[in-house]
Amino acid sequence: MFFRDAARWRLKSLGDEYEYVEVRKEVHEKLDYVTIEMELPFFGVSDFIDQRIKSALEKYAEWKEQTEENPKRS
């Protein structure tokens, strides 16, 4: 069972659709606790990470648009 699950996970991780980020277990558990304790608008650590990434990409798109509208003059 273990080897089958490990092989399945490895094959999935080799796919082009997802990247995996390592987070220490104690940090993950603490962040999960924090999202619940502080009643943050997230459904857990994965949702928190997804939302932060989405926010960063939106800010980058805005920044990129502004820099293209106002190019630096050399």
C-alpha atoms as a PDB file:
ATOM      1  CA  MET A   1       0.000   0.000   0.000  1.00  0.00           C
ATOM      2  CA  PHE A   2       2.759   2.436   0.950  1.00  0.00           C
ATOM      3  CA  PHE A   3       4.696   1.884  -2.272  1.00  0.00           C
ATOM      4  CA  ARG A   4       1.579   2.223  -4.391  1.00  0.00           C
ATOM      5  CA  ASP A   5       0.689   5.518  -2.681  1.00  0.00           C
ATOM      6  CA  ALA A   6       4.278   6.743  -2.970  1.00  0.00           C
ATOM      7  CA  ALA A   7       4.379   5.866  -6.664  1.00  0.00           C
ATOM      8  CA  ARG A   8       1.022   7.544  -7.267  1.00  0.00           C
ATOM      9  CA  TRP A   9       2.213  10.716  -5.480  1.00  0.00           C
ATOM     10  CA  ARG A  10       5.519  10.688  -7.395  1.00  0.00           C
ATOM     11  CA  LEU A  11       3.777  10.335 -10.751  1.00  0.00           C
ATOM     12  CA  LYS A  12       1.417  13.160  -9.869  1.00  0.00           C
ATOM     13  CA  SER A  13       4.320  15.372  -8.761  1.00  0.00           C
ATOM     14  CA  LEU A  14       6.092  14.802 -12.091  1.00  0.00           C
ATOM     15  CA  GLY A  15       3.113  16.193 -13.993  1.00  0.00           C
ATOM     16  CA  ASP A  16       3.178  19.662 -15.506  1.00  0.00           C
ATOM     17  CA  GLU A  17       0.093  20.963 -13.727  1.00  0.00           C
ATOM     18  CA  TYR A  18       1.310  21.400 -10.124  1.00  0.00           C
ATOM     19  CA  GLU A  19       4.387  22.401  -8.156  1.00  0.00           C
ATOM     20  CA  TYR A  20       4.837  21.405  -4.534  1.00  0.00           C
ATOM     21  CA  VAL A  21       6.269  23.598  -1.801  1.00  0.00           C
ATOM     22  CA  GLU A  22       7.738  22.171   1.358  1.00  0.00           C
ATOM     23  CA  VAL A  23       6.631  23.698   4.636  1.00  0.00           C
ATOM     24  CA  ARG A  24       7.852  22.425   7.973  1.00  0.00           C
ATOM     25  CA  LYS A  25       5.079  20.528   9.730  1.00  0.00           C
ATOM     26  CA  GLU A  26       5.264  22.728  12.846  1.00  0.00           C
ATOM     27  CA  VAL A  27       4.889  25.876  10.712  1.00  0.00           C
ATOM     28  CA  HIS A  28       1.954  24.372   8.797  1.00  0.00           C
ATOM     29  CA  GLU A  29       0.206  23.350  12.017  1.00  0.00           C
ATOM     30  CA  LYS A  30       0.812  26.751  13.625  1.00  0.00           C
ATOM     31  CA  LEU A  31      -0.519  28.608  10.579  1.00  0.00           C
ATOM     32  CA  ASP A  32      -3.559  26.342  10.503  1.00  0.00           C
ATOM     33  CA  TYR A  33      -4.187  27.173  14.159  1.00  0.00           C
ATOM     34  CA  VAL A  34      -3.686  30.900  13.491  1.00  0.00           C
ATOM     35  CA  THR A  35      -6.218  30.950  10.644  1.00  0.00           C
ATOM     36  CA  ILE A  36      -8.810  29.388  12.952  1.00  0.00           C
ATOM     37  CA  GLU A  37      -7.925  31.347  16.109  1.00  0.00           C
ATOM     38  CA  MET A  38      -7.878  34.724  14.357  1.00  0.00           C
ATOM     39  CA  GLU A  39     -10.975  33.835  12.322  1.00  0.00           C
ATOM     40  CA  LEU A  40      -9.152  34.713   9.115  1.00  0.00           C
ATOM     41  CA  PRO A  41     -11.173  34.423   5.903  1.00  0.00           C
ATOM     42  CA  PHE A  42      -9.377  31.259   4.782  1.00  0.00           C
ATOM     43  CA  PHE A  43     -10.358  27.602   4.799  1.00  0.00           C
ATOM     44  CA  GLY A  44      -6.953  26.530   6.068  1.00  0.00           C
ATOM     45  CA  VAL A  45      -3.310  26.745   5.124  1.00  0.00           C
ATOM     46  CA  SER A  46      -3.744  25.725   1.482  1.00  0.00           C
ATOM     47  CA  ASP A  47      -6.426  28.354   0.943  1.00  0.00           C
ATOM     48  CA  PHE A  48      -4.250  30.974   2.675  1.00  0.00           C
ATOM     49  CA  ILE A  49      -1.312  30.153   0.405  1.00  0.00           C
ATOM     50  CA  ASP A  50      -3.510  30.128  -2.727  1.00  0.00           C
ATOM     51  CA  GLN A  51      -4.993  33.524  -1.839  1.00  0.00           C
ATOM     52  CA  ARG A  52      -1.571  35.069  -1.109  1.00  0.00           C
ATOM     53  CA  ILE A  53      -0.224  33.806  -4.429  1.00  0.00           C
ATOM     54  CA  LYS A  54      -3.289  35.075  -6.280  1.00  0.00           C
ATOM     55  CA  SER A  55      -2.924  38.484  -4.594  1.00  0.00           C
ATOM     56  CA  ALA A  56       0.777  38.710  -5.468  1.00  0.00           C
ATOM     57  CA  LEU A  57       0.078  37.842  -9.113  1.00  0.00           C
ATOM     58  CA  GLU A  58      -2.677  40.474  -9.300  1.00  0.00           C
ATOM     59  CA  LYS A  59      -0.339  43.109  -7.823  1.00  0.00           C
ATOM     60  CA  TYR A  60       2.342  42.088 -10.306  1.00  0.00           C
ATOM     61  CA  ALA A  61      -0.106  42.452 -13.211  1.00  0.00           C
ATOM     62  CA  GLU A  62      -1.031  45.949 -11.992  1.00  0.00           C
ATOM     63  CA  TRP A  63       2.628  46.881 -11.586  1.00  0.00           C
ATOM     64  CA  LYS A  64       3.477  45.513 -15.027  1.00  0.00           C
ATOM     65  CA  GLU A  65       0.640  47.496 -16.582  1.00  0.00           C
ATOM     66  CA  GLN A  66       1.800  50.710 -14.878  1.00  0.00           C
ATOM     67  CA  THR A  67       5.420  50.236 -15.919  1.00  0.00           C
ATOM     68  CA  GLU A  68       4.374  49.622 -19.520  1.00  0.00           C
ATOM     69  CA  GLU A  69       2.247  52.781 -19.496  1.00  0.00           C
ATOM     70  CA  ASN A  70       5.074  54.817 -17.958  1.00  0.00           C
ATOM     71  CA  PRO A  71       8.337  53.386 -19.269  1.00  0.00           C
ATOM     72  CA  LYS A  72      11.555  54.583 -17.668  1.00  0.00           C
ATOM     73  CA  ARG A  73      13.455  57.148 -19.661  1.00  0.00           C
ATOM     74  CA  SER A  74      17.196  56.649 -19.939  1.00  0.00           C
END
